[in-house]
């Protein structure tokens, strides 16, 4: 069962992704989850997507691996959040 630790993840939803949770999320909360939980909308999601835009110049640059590593670090809070929510070790 998910326990609210009081931590939240700042997620931005792009216009292209609006409605994604409603379209592909669960209709009801999963068994064992409080339907009034403050993050129930996120708990009902089936998928989480994180991305960072890189320009063609960044991808072709000799600094690409540094830019890629920085992008991975930027997505780490979401990965850690979902890992903990699943009861796994980050």
N, C-alpha and C. Protein backbone atom coordinates (compact mmCIF):
# COMPACT_ATOMS: atom_id res chain seq x y z
N UNK A 1 0.84 -1.18 0.00
CA UNK A 1 0.00 0.00 0.00
C UNK A 1 0.89 1.25 0.00
N UNK A 2 0.49 2.25 -0.71
CA UNK A 2 1.21 3.52 -0.79
C UNK A 2 0.97 4.33 0.47
N UNK A 3 2.04 4.86 1.04
CA UNK A 3 1.93 5.73 2.21
C UNK A 3 2.41 7.12 1.82
N UNK A 4 1.61 8.11 2.09
CA UNK A 4 1.96 9.49 1.76
C UNK A 4 3.05 9.96 2.71
N UNK A 5 4.22 10.29 2.16
CA UNK A 5 5.34 10.77 2.97
C UNK A 5 5.34 12.28 3.10
N UNK A 6 4.38 12.93 2.47
CA UNK A 6 4.34 14.39 2.51
C UNK A 6 5.19 15.03 1.43
N UNK A 7 5.97 14.21 0.71
CA UNK A 7 6.79 14.74 -0.36
C UNK A 7 5.97 14.78 -1.64
N UNK A 8 6.25 15.73 -2.46
CA UNK A 8 5.56 15.80 -3.72
C UNK A 8 6.58 15.97 -4.83
N UNK A 9 6.19 15.61 -6.01
CA UNK A 9 7.04 15.74 -7.18
C UNK A 9 6.41 16.81 -8.06
N UNK A 10 7.21 17.78 -8.46
CA UNK A 10 6.72 18.85 -9.32
C UNK A 10 6.70 18.33 -10.75
N UNK A 11 5.49 18.06 -11.27
CA UNK A 11 5.37 17.55 -12.63
C UNK A 11 4.69 18.59 -13.50
N UNK A 12 5.24 18.80 -14.67
CA UNK A 12 4.63 19.71 -15.63
C UNK A 12 3.97 18.88 -16.70
N UNK A 13 2.78 19.30 -17.11
CA UNK A 13 2.06 18.58 -18.15
C UNK A 13 2.02 19.46 -19.39
N UNK A 14 2.56 18.95 -20.47
CA UNK A 14 2.54 19.73 -21.70
C UNK A 14 1.15 19.67 -22.32
N UNK A 15 0.80 20.66 -23.14
CA UNK A 15 -0.53 20.65 -23.77
C UNK A 15 -0.78 19.38 -24.57
N UNK A 16 0.26 18.81 -25.17
CA UNK A 16 0.08 17.59 -25.96
C UNK A 16 -0.27 16.40 -25.08
N UNK A 17 0.06 16.45 -23.79
CA UNK A 17 -0.18 15.33 -22.89
C UNK A 17 -1.44 15.52 -22.05
N UNK A 18 -2.09 16.67 -22.13
CA UNK A 18 -3.30 16.90 -21.32
C UNK A 18 -4.33 15.83 -21.62
N UNK A 19 -4.95 15.34 -20.60
CA UNK A 19 -5.94 14.31 -20.76
C UNK A 19 -5.35 12.92 -20.82
N UNK A 20 -4.04 12.82 -20.83
CA UNK A 20 -3.37 11.53 -20.91
C UNK A 20 -3.78 10.62 -19.76
N UNK A 21 -3.76 11.13 -18.53
CA UNK A 21 -4.13 10.31 -17.38
C UNK A 21 -5.57 9.86 -17.45
N UNK A 22 -6.45 10.76 -17.85
CA UNK A 22 -7.86 10.42 -17.95
C UNK A 22 -8.09 9.39 -19.05
N UNK A 23 -7.31 9.49 -20.10
CA UNK A 23 -7.49 8.59 -21.22
C UNK A 23 -6.94 7.20 -20.94
N UNK A 24 -5.81 7.12 -20.24
CA UNK A 24 -5.14 5.85 -20.01
C UNK A 24 -5.03 5.48 -18.54
N UNK A 25 -5.64 6.26 -17.67
CA UNK A 25 -5.58 5.96 -16.24
C UNK A 25 -6.67 5.01 -15.81
N UNK A 26 -6.57 4.54 -14.59
CA UNK A 26 -7.59 3.67 -14.03
C UNK A 26 -8.87 4.47 -13.79
N UNK A 27 -9.98 3.82 -13.90
CA UNK A 27 -11.26 4.49 -13.68
C UNK A 27 -11.53 4.68 -12.18
N UNK A 28 -11.09 3.70 -11.38
CA UNK A 28 -11.27 3.76 -9.92
C UNK A 28 -9.91 3.62 -9.25
N UNK A 29 -9.79 4.08 -8.02
CA UNK A 29 -8.51 3.90 -7.30
C UNK A 29 -8.19 2.41 -7.15
N UNK A 30 -6.91 2.07 -7.19
CA UNK A 30 -6.53 0.68 -6.98
C UNK A 30 -6.96 0.21 -5.58
N UNK A 31 -7.17 -1.08 -5.44
CA UNK A 31 -7.57 -1.65 -4.16
C UNK A 31 -6.56 -1.25 -3.08
N UNK A 32 -7.09 -0.81 -1.93
CA UNK A 32 -6.24 -0.44 -0.80
C UNK A 32 -5.86 1.03 -0.75
N UNK A 33 -6.23 1.81 -1.77
CA UNK A 33 -5.90 3.22 -1.79
C UNK A 33 -7.13 4.05 -1.43
N UNK A 34 -6.91 5.04 -0.61
CA UNK A 34 -7.98 5.95 -0.20
C UNK A 34 -8.44 6.76 -1.42
N UNK A 35 -9.73 6.69 -1.78
CA UNK A 35 -10.20 7.45 -2.94
C UNK A 35 -10.11 8.96 -2.75
N UNK A 36 -9.92 9.40 -1.50
CA UNK A 36 -9.80 10.84 -1.22
C UNK A 36 -8.35 11.26 -1.02
N UNK A 37 -7.41 10.39 -1.33
CA UNK A 37 -5.99 10.71 -1.18
C UNK A 37 -5.66 11.93 -2.04
N UNK A 38 -4.80 12.81 -1.55
CA UNK A 38 -4.54 14.05 -2.29
C UNK A 38 -3.83 13.82 -3.62
N UNK A 39 -3.21 12.66 -3.81
CA UNK A 39 -2.55 12.34 -5.07
C UNK A 39 -3.27 11.23 -5.83
N UNK A 40 -4.57 11.03 -5.57
CA UNK A 40 -5.27 9.91 -6.19
C UNK A 40 -5.27 10.00 -7.71
N UNK A 41 -5.29 11.20 -8.26
CA UNK A 41 -5.22 11.34 -9.72
C UNK A 41 -3.93 10.78 -10.28
N UNK A 42 -2.82 10.99 -9.57
CA UNK A 42 -1.55 10.44 -10.01
C UNK A 42 -1.47 8.94 -9.73
N UNK A 43 -2.03 8.51 -8.61
CA UNK A 43 -2.01 7.09 -8.27
C UNK A 43 -2.77 6.27 -9.32
N UNK A 44 -3.82 6.85 -9.89
CA UNK A 44 -4.63 6.14 -10.88
C UNK A 44 -3.97 6.11 -12.26
N UNK A 45 -2.88 6.81 -12.44
CA UNK A 45 -2.20 6.79 -13.74
C UNK A 45 -1.55 5.43 -13.96
N UNK A 46 -1.52 4.99 -15.21
CA UNK A 46 -0.86 3.74 -15.55
C UNK A 46 0.57 4.00 -16.04
N UNK A 47 0.82 5.17 -16.55
CA UNK A 47 2.13 5.49 -17.12
C UNK A 47 2.59 6.85 -16.65
N UNK A 48 3.88 6.98 -16.48
CA UNK A 48 4.51 8.26 -16.19
C UNK A 48 5.59 8.47 -17.23
N UNK A 49 5.65 9.67 -17.79
CA UNK A 49 6.61 9.98 -18.83
C UNK A 49 7.38 11.22 -18.42
N UNK A 50 8.68 11.15 -18.58
CA UNK A 50 9.53 12.32 -18.32
C UNK A 50 10.43 12.51 -19.54
N UNK A 51 10.63 13.75 -19.92
CA UNK A 51 11.50 14.02 -21.06
C UNK A 51 12.16 15.37 -20.89
N UNK A 52 13.27 15.52 -21.54
CA UNK A 52 13.99 16.79 -21.57
C UNK A 52 14.35 17.04 -23.03
N UNK A 53 14.03 18.22 -23.50
CA UNK A 53 14.34 18.55 -24.89
C UNK A 53 15.80 18.89 -25.08
N UNK A 54 16.40 18.29 -26.08
CA UNK A 54 17.77 18.61 -26.46
C UNK A 54 17.76 19.09 -27.91
N UNK A 55 18.53 20.11 -28.18
CA UNK A 55 18.60 20.63 -29.54
C UNK A 55 19.52 19.75 -30.37
N UNK A 56 19.43 19.88 -31.68
CA UNK A 56 20.34 19.12 -32.55
C UNK A 56 21.79 19.50 -32.26
N UNK A 57 22.03 20.77 -31.98
CA UNK A 57 23.39 21.21 -31.65
C UNK A 57 23.90 20.52 -30.40
N UNK A 58 23.04 20.34 -29.40
CA UNK A 58 23.46 19.64 -28.17
C UNK A 58 23.76 18.17 -28.46
N UNK A 59 22.93 17.54 -29.25
CA UNK A 59 23.12 16.12 -29.55
C UNK A 59 24.39 15.88 -30.36
N UNK A 60 24.73 16.81 -31.23
CA UNK A 60 25.92 16.68 -32.07
C UNK A 60 27.18 17.22 -31.41
N UNK A 61 27.04 17.82 -30.27
CA UNK A 61 28.17 18.44 -29.59
C UNK A 61 29.06 17.40 -28.90
N UNK A 62 30.30 17.78 -28.68
CA UNK A 62 31.20 16.92 -27.91
C UNK A 62 30.79 16.88 -26.44
N UNK A 63 29.95 17.79 -26.02
CA UNK A 63 29.45 17.82 -24.64
C UNK A 63 28.16 17.02 -24.46
N UNK A 64 27.77 16.25 -25.49
CA UNK A 64 26.49 15.55 -25.44
C UNK A 64 26.34 14.69 -24.18
N UNK A 65 27.35 13.92 -23.84
CA UNK A 65 27.23 13.04 -22.67
C UNK A 65 27.00 13.84 -21.39
N UNK A 66 27.59 15.00 -21.26
CA UNK A 66 27.35 15.85 -20.09
C UNK A 66 25.92 16.38 -20.09
N UNK A 67 25.45 16.82 -21.27
CA UNK A 67 24.08 17.30 -21.38
C UNK A 67 23.07 16.17 -21.11
N UNK A 68 23.38 14.98 -21.63
CA UNK A 68 22.50 13.83 -21.40
C UNK A 68 22.47 13.46 -19.91
N UNK A 69 23.63 13.45 -19.27
CA UNK A 69 23.69 13.14 -17.84
C UNK A 69 22.91 14.18 -17.03
N UNK A 70 23.00 15.45 -17.41
CA UNK A 70 22.25 16.50 -16.72
C UNK A 70 20.74 16.29 -16.90
N UNK A 71 20.34 15.86 -18.10
CA UNK A 71 18.92 15.59 -18.35
C UNK A 71 18.44 14.42 -17.48
N UNK A 72 19.26 13.39 -17.35
CA UNK A 72 18.90 12.25 -16.50
C UNK A 72 18.77 12.68 -15.03
N UNK A 73 19.67 13.54 -14.58
CA UNK A 73 19.57 14.04 -13.20
C UNK A 73 18.31 14.86 -13.00
N UNK A 74 17.88 15.59 -14.02
CA UNK A 74 16.66 16.40 -13.93
C UNK A 74 15.42 15.52 -13.78
N UNK A 75 15.46 14.30 -14.33
CA UNK A 75 14.31 13.39 -14.26
C UNK A 75 14.35 12.49 -13.03
N UNK A 76 15.45 12.51 -12.30
CA UNK A 76 15.63 11.62 -11.16
C UNK A 76 14.53 11.73 -10.09
N UNK A 77 14.03 12.92 -9.75
CA UNK A 77 12.97 12.98 -8.73
C UNK A 77 11.73 12.16 -9.09
N UNK A 78 11.32 12.16 -10.35
CA UNK A 78 10.16 11.36 -10.75
C UNK A 78 10.47 9.87 -10.63
N UNK A 79 11.66 9.47 -11.06
CA UNK A 79 12.05 8.06 -10.98
C UNK A 79 12.09 7.60 -9.52
N UNK A 80 12.66 8.43 -8.64
CA UNK A 80 12.72 8.08 -7.22
C UNK A 80 11.32 8.01 -6.61
N UNK A 81 10.46 8.94 -6.97
CA UNK A 81 9.09 8.96 -6.46
C UNK A 81 8.34 7.69 -6.84
N UNK A 82 8.39 7.32 -8.12
CA UNK A 82 7.66 6.13 -8.56
C UNK A 82 8.28 4.87 -7.97
N UNK A 83 9.59 4.85 -7.81
CA UNK A 83 10.26 3.69 -7.21
C UNK A 83 9.78 3.50 -5.76
N UNK A 84 9.76 4.58 -4.99
CA UNK A 84 9.30 4.50 -3.60
C UNK A 84 7.82 4.13 -3.54
N UNK A 85 7.02 4.68 -4.45
CA UNK A 85 5.58 4.39 -4.44
C UNK A 85 5.32 2.90 -4.70
N UNK A 86 6.21 2.25 -5.44
CA UNK A 86 6.08 0.83 -5.73
C UNK A 86 6.69 -0.03 -4.62
N UNK A 87 7.27 0.60 -3.61
CA UNK A 87 7.87 -0.14 -2.51
C UNK A 87 9.23 -0.72 -2.85
N UNK A 88 9.89 -0.17 -3.86
CA UNK A 88 11.22 -0.63 -4.27
C UNK A 88 12.29 0.28 -3.68
N UNK A 89 13.52 -0.17 -3.69
CA UNK A 89 14.63 0.63 -3.20
C UNK A 89 15.15 1.53 -4.32
N UNK A 90 15.27 2.84 -4.06
CA UNK A 90 15.80 3.74 -5.11
C UNK A 90 17.28 3.51 -5.35
